[in-house]
Amino acid sequence: GVQLVESGGDLIQPGGSLRLSCAASGFTFSSAYMSWVRQAPGKGLEVVASIDGRGTSTYYLNSVKGRFTISRDNAKNTLYLRLNGLKTEDTAMYYCKYVARDIRGQGTQVTVSS
């Protein structure tokens, strides 16, 4: 079956950087449209960034444009999210999502605090 395993979350100070990874298996990753979504405490899920199978088309939530970068390595079946210039409002559980099947992993926690 489909498996998505996120890693890379941490407690980090405002202005810091992180790279999240998502190891995918159980489907044809290279043709899959993928997203990173997040859920802050007491709030709903929001799509942070998305990328097509070839990595040639991307989408970003307005509030993260210029700070976050989504990428993928199809040879490694891995999705990435680079987070720069982190703000306290970026604190959330981050999930990678296989959009076609609406499946998410278990998530990785990002906490931005001084």
Protein backbone atom coordinates (compact mmCIF):
# COMPACT_ATOMS: atom_id res chain seq x y z
CA GLY A 1 0.00 0.00 0.00
CA VAL A 2 0.84 3.69 -0.10
CA GLN A 3 3.31 4.85 2.53
CA LEU A 4 4.44 8.41 3.20
CA VAL A 5 7.00 9.03 5.95
CA GLU A 6 7.87 12.61 6.84
CA SER A 7 10.96 13.74 8.76
CA GLY A 8 12.99 16.85 9.50
CA GLY A 9 10.71 18.79 11.83
CA ASP A 10 12.25 20.51 14.84
CA LEU A 11 12.05 23.31 17.38
CA ILE A 12 13.72 26.31 15.78
CA GLN A 13 14.12 30.03 16.41
CA PRO A 14 12.41 32.66 14.25
CA GLY A 15 14.42 33.34 11.12
CA GLY A 16 15.84 29.84 11.04
CA SER A 17 15.70 27.21 8.31
CA LEU A 18 14.68 23.57 8.03
CA ARG A 19 14.38 20.96 5.32
CA LEU A 20 11.51 18.50 5.54
CA SER A 21 11.64 15.19 3.70
CA CYS A 22 8.93 12.71 2.73
CA ALA A 23 9.87 9.18 1.69
CA ALA A 24 7.19 7.71 -0.56
CA SER A 25 6.46 4.11 -1.54
CA GLY A 26 3.66 1.94 -2.85
CA PHE A 27 2.76 4.04 -5.91
CA THR A 28 4.34 5.54 -9.01
CA PHE A 29 5.91 8.55 -7.34
CA SER A 30 7.39 10.05 -10.51
CA SER A 31 3.95 10.71 -11.96
CA ALA A 32 2.25 11.78 -8.74
CA TYR A 33 1.13 15.31 -7.98
CA MET A 34 2.26 15.92 -4.40
CA SER A 35 1.61 18.55 -1.76
CA TRP A 36 2.83 19.65 1.61
CA VAL A 37 -0.05 20.58 3.91
CA ARG A 38 0.03 21.83 7.48
CA GLN A 39 -2.23 22.11 10.47
CA ALA A 40 -1.61 24.62 13.22
CA PRO A 41 -3.11 24.09 16.69
CA GLY A 42 -6.84 24.81 16.60
CA LYS A 43 -6.87 25.44 12.86
CA GLY A 44 -7.75 23.51 9.73
CA LEU A 45 -5.50 21.97 7.14
CA GLU A 46 -3.98 24.29 4.55
CA VAL A 47 -1.99 23.50 1.44
CA VAL A 48 1.44 25.05 1.76
CA ALA A 49 2.99 23.98 -1.55
CA SER A 50 2.40 21.55 -4.41
CA ILE A 51 4.46 20.13 -7.26
CA ASP A 52 3.73 18.10 -10.38
CA GLY A 53 5.33 14.77 -11.17
CA ARG A 54 8.19 16.17 -13.19
CA GLY A 55 8.86 19.01 -10.78
CA THR A 56 8.24 21.64 -13.46
CA SER A 57 5.11 23.24 -12.02
CA THR A 58 4.73 24.43 -8.45
CA TYR A 59 2.18 26.21 -6.28
CA TYR A 60 2.74 28.11 -3.03
CA LEU A 61 0.47 29.54 -0.37
CA ASN A 62 0.84 33.32 -0.51
CA SER A 63 2.17 33.57 3.03
CA VAL A 64 5.13 31.26 2.26
CA LYS A 65 6.07 32.52 -1.21
CA GLY A 66 9.74 33.46 -1.34
CA ARG A 67 10.48 31.59 1.90
CA PHE A 68 9.55 27.95 1.21
CA THR A 69 10.69 25.79 -1.71
CA ILE A 70 9.13 22.48 -2.72
CA SER A 71 11.20 19.99 -4.70
CA ARG A 72 11.42 16.28 -5.43
CA ASP A 73 13.93 13.60 -6.31
CA ASN A 74 12.09 10.98 -8.34
CA ALA A 75 15.11 8.67 -8.34
CA LYS A 76 14.86 8.53 -4.54
CA ASN A 77 11.04 8.66 -4.33
CA THR A 78 11.41 11.62 -1.99
CA LEU A 79 9.59 14.93 -1.66
CA TYR A 80 11.22 17.92 0.06
CA LEU A 81 10.19 21.23 1.54
CA ARG A 82 12.85 23.81 2.30
CA LEU A 83 11.65 26.33 4.91
CA ASN A 84 13.63 29.58 5.21
CA GLY A 85 12.91 32.69 7.24
CA LEU A 86 10.66 30.80 9.60
CA LYS A 87 8.06 32.74 11.57
CA THR A 88 6.12 31.82 14.70
CA GLU A 89 2.99 31.52 12.56
CA ASP A 90 4.64 28.67 10.62
CA THR A 91 4.33 26.48 13.72
CA ALA A 92 2.29 23.44 12.70
CA MET A 93 2.30 19.75 11.97
CA TYR A 94 3.48 19.34 8.39
CA TYR A 95 2.27 16.45 6.23
CA CYS A 96 3.11 15.33 2.73
CA LYS A 97 0.10 14.36 0.69
CA TYR A 98 -0.44 12.09 -2.31
CA VAL A 99 -3.13 14.24 -3.83
CA ALA A 100 -4.76 11.73 -6.22
CA ARG A 101 -5.56 9.33 -3.36
CA ASP A 102 -5.94 12.01 -0.65
CA ILE A 103 -3.45 10.18 1.58
CA ARG A 104 -1.15 11.88 4.10
CA GLY A 105 1.72 10.62 6.18
CA GLN A 106 1.93 10.79 9.97
CA GLY A 107 3.42 14.27 9.90
CA THR A 108 6.47 16.04 11.30
CA GLN A 109 6.22 18.86 13.86
CA VAL A 110 7.71 22.28 13.16
CA THR A 111 7.76 24.64 16.13
CA VAL A 112 9.08 28.16 15.68
CA SER A 113 9.79 29.87 18.97
CA SER A 114 12.43 31.97 20.67
